[in-house]
N, C-alpha and C. Protein backbone atom coordinates (compact mmCIF):
# COMPACT_ATOMS: atom_id res chain seq x y z
N UNK A 1 83.79 72.98 88.07
CA UNK A 1 82.50 74.00 88.18
C UNK A 1 81.71 74.02 89.65
N UNK A 2 82.09 73.03 90.56
CA UNK A 2 81.65 73.39 91.64
C UNK A 2 82.75 74.59 92.56
N UNK A 3 83.70 74.24 92.65
CA UNK A 3 84.61 75.83 93.07
C UNK A 3 84.19 77.33 92.48
N UNK A 4 83.77 76.68 91.51
CA UNK A 4 83.92 78.04 90.68
C UNK A 4 82.32 78.94 91.28
N UNK A 5 80.87 78.18 91.68
CA UNK A 5 80.17 78.44 92.14
C UNK A 5 80.38 78.37 93.16
N UNK A 6 81.51 77.80 93.70
CA UNK A 6 82.11 78.85 95.35
C UNK A 6 82.48 80.01 94.89
N UNK A 7 83.20 80.41 93.83
CA UNK A 7 84.20 81.37 94.71
C UNK A 7 83.45 82.81 94.41
N UNK A 8 82.08 82.06 93.32
CA UNK A 8 80.96 83.56 92.87
C UNK A 8 80.52 83.25 93.65
N UNK A 9 80.11 82.59 94.55
CA UNK A 9 79.60 83.21 96.01
C UNK A 9 79.17 83.79 97.05
N UNK A 10 81.15 83.36 97.34
CA UNK A 10 82.01 84.29 98.24
C UNK A 10 82.51 85.92 97.82
N UNK A 11 82.63 85.71 96.59
CA UNK A 11 82.23 86.91 95.87
C UNK A 11 81.70 87.60 96.11
N UNK A 12 80.23 86.92 95.74
CA UNK A 12 79.09 88.53 95.93
C UNK A 12 79.03 88.21 97.42
N UNK A 13 79.32 87.48 97.93
CA UNK A 13 79.21 87.92 99.73
C UNK A 13 80.43 89.02 100.23
N UNK A 14 81.53 88.84 100.03
CA UNK A 14 82.55 90.15 100.10
C UNK A 14 82.22 91.27 99.32
N UNK A 15 81.61 91.06 98.60
CA UNK A 15 81.41 92.74 97.13
C UNK A 15 79.99 93.21 98.10
N UNK A 16 81.23 94.53 98.97
CA UNK A 16 79.98 95.31 99.37
C UNK A 16 79.81 96.03 98.34
N UNK A 17 80.31 97.04 97.02
CA UNK A 17 80.18 98.32 96.55
C UNK A 17 78.45 98.20 96.01
N UNK A 18 78.42 99.71 96.26
CA UNK A 18 77.08 100.05 95.86
C UNK A 18 75.79 99.61 97.21
N UNK A 19 76.80 98.71 98.35
CA UNK A 19 75.66 98.75 99.11
C UNK A 19 75.37 100.25 99.58
N UNK A 20 75.84 101.14 100.50
CA UNK A 20 75.98 102.65 100.62
C UNK A 20 74.47 102.85 99.84
N UNK A 21 74.44 102.81 98.48
CA UNK A 21 73.26 103.60 97.74
C UNK A 21 72.20 102.84 98.07
N UNK A 22 72.55 101.54 98.08
CA UNK A 22 71.14 100.99 98.15
C UNK A 22 70.43 101.17 99.76
N UNK A 23 71.08 101.30 100.68
CA UNK A 23 71.10 101.80 102.45
C UNK A 23 69.90 102.95 101.77
N UNK A 24 70.85 103.94 101.67
CA UNK A 24 70.17 105.61 101.09
C UNK A 24 68.56 105.57 100.46
N UNK A 25 69.19 104.53 99.23
CA UNK A 25 67.40 104.49 98.43
C UNK A 25 66.42 104.23 99.74
N UNK A 26 67.17 102.95 100.25
CA UNK A 26 66.00 102.36 101.32
C UNK A 26 65.29 103.86 102.03
N UNK A 27 66.48 104.37 103.14
CA UNK A 27 65.71 105.24 103.79
C UNK A 27 64.75 106.16 103.45
N UNK A 28 65.69 106.67 101.98
CA UNK A 28 64.53 108.04 101.01
C UNK A 28 62.97 107.43 100.88
N UNK A 29 63.19 105.46 100.73
CA UNK A 29 61.63 105.33 100.26
C UNK A 29 60.50 105.01 100.95
N UNK A 30 61.36 104.83 102.99
CA UNK A 30 60.98 105.16 103.73
C UNK A 30 60.70 106.06 104.12
N UNK A 31 61.09 107.14 104.10
CA UNK A 31 60.78 108.39 104.96
C UNK A 31 59.55 109.30 104.32
N UNK A 32 59.97 109.11 102.64
CA UNK A 32 58.98 109.35 101.41
C UNK A 32 57.09 108.68 102.37
N UNK A 33 57.52 107.09 102.19
CA UNK A 33 55.94 106.47 102.29
C UNK A 33 55.48 107.10 104.14
N UNK A 34 56.59 107.16 105.39
CA UNK A 34 55.66 107.77 106.77
C UNK A 34 55.54 108.85 105.82
N UNK A 35 55.83 109.98 105.18
CA UNK A 35 55.55 111.67 104.71
C UNK A 35 53.78 111.53 104.35
N UNK A 36 53.81 110.78 103.23
CA UNK A 36 52.71 109.86 102.73
C UNK A 36 51.92 109.71 103.35
N UNK A 37 51.74 108.51 104.56
CA UNK A 37 51.37 108.23 106.09
C UNK A 37 50.84 109.71 106.51
N UNK A 38 51.58 110.20 107.10
CA UNK A 38 51.26 110.84 107.76
C UNK A 38 51.35 112.51 107.08
N UNK A 39 50.93 112.76 106.03
CA UNK A 39 51.08 113.94 105.46
C UNK A 39 49.62 115.13 106.44
N UNK A 40 48.76 114.12 106.75
CA UNK A 40 48.09 115.52 107.32
C UNK A 40 48.39 116.10 109.13
N UNK A 41 48.90 115.04 109.49
CA UNK A 41 49.64 115.79 110.66
C UNK A 41 51.13 116.53 110.47
N UNK A 42 51.60 115.88 109.50
CA UNK A 42 52.67 116.40 109.66
C UNK A 42 52.60 118.12 109.11
N UNK A 43 51.50 118.36 107.94
CA UNK A 43 51.23 119.05 108.05
C UNK A 43 50.63 120.71 108.46
N UNK A 44 49.90 119.87 109.72
CA UNK A 44 49.29 120.74 110.57
C UNK A 44 49.81 121.07 111.68
N UNK A 45 51.20 120.21 111.82
CA UNK A 45 52.46 120.44 112.65
C UNK A 45 53.29 121.81 112.18
N UNK A 46 53.20 121.14 111.11
CA UNK A 46 54.02 122.47 110.41
C UNK A 46 53.39 124.49 110.78
N UNK A 47 52.19 123.51 110.16
CA UNK A 47 51.42 124.72 109.84
C UNK A 47 51.38 125.46 111.88
N UNK A 48 51.36 125.14 112.31
CA UNK A 48 51.28 125.42 114.21
C UNK A 48 51.94 125.80 114.25
N UNK A 49 53.57 125.56 114.41
CA UNK A 49 54.58 125.91 114.43
C UNK A 49 54.77 127.01 113.72
N UNK A 50 54.27 127.16 112.78
CA UNK A 50 54.64 128.30 112.46
C UNK A 50 53.68 129.75 112.50
N UNK A 51 53.01 129.44 112.76
CA UNK A 51 51.57 130.14 113.28
C UNK A 51 51.83 130.60 114.72
N UNK A 52 52.52 130.16 115.72
CA UNK A 52 52.91 130.18 117.03
C UNK A 52 54.05 130.93 116.45
N UNK A 53 55.34 131.19 115.86
CA UNK A 53 56.15 131.62 115.53
C UNK A 53 56.15 133.20 115.16
N UNK A 54 55.15 133.35 114.36
CA UNK A 54 54.81 134.42 113.60
C UNK A 54 53.92 135.28 114.91
N UNK A 55 53.20 134.38 115.44
CA UNK A 55 52.93 134.92 116.90
C UNK A 55 53.46 135.86 117.51
N UNK A 56 54.18 135.24 118.04
CA UNK A 56 55.17 135.26 119.24
C UNK A 56 56.36 136.08 118.17
N UNK A 57 56.04 136.87 117.08
CA UNK A 57 57.69 137.47 116.14
C UNK A 57 58.47 137.18 116.87
N UNK A 58 58.25 136.19 115.33
CA UNK A 58 59.99 135.38 115.52
C UNK A 58 60.50 135.83 114.37
């Protein structure tokens, strides 16, 4: 029984399938949270950039 559990733990540690998906999901979640926290600052920055671009005739 002990060998079975040790083998299972080694398999779980060495099995990296799906880890990239988890990492991408975590990064997306962090980006969404940052976007929600700094919503007003991001909006005012983007509006200011577009206002300056349109004023310059871009």
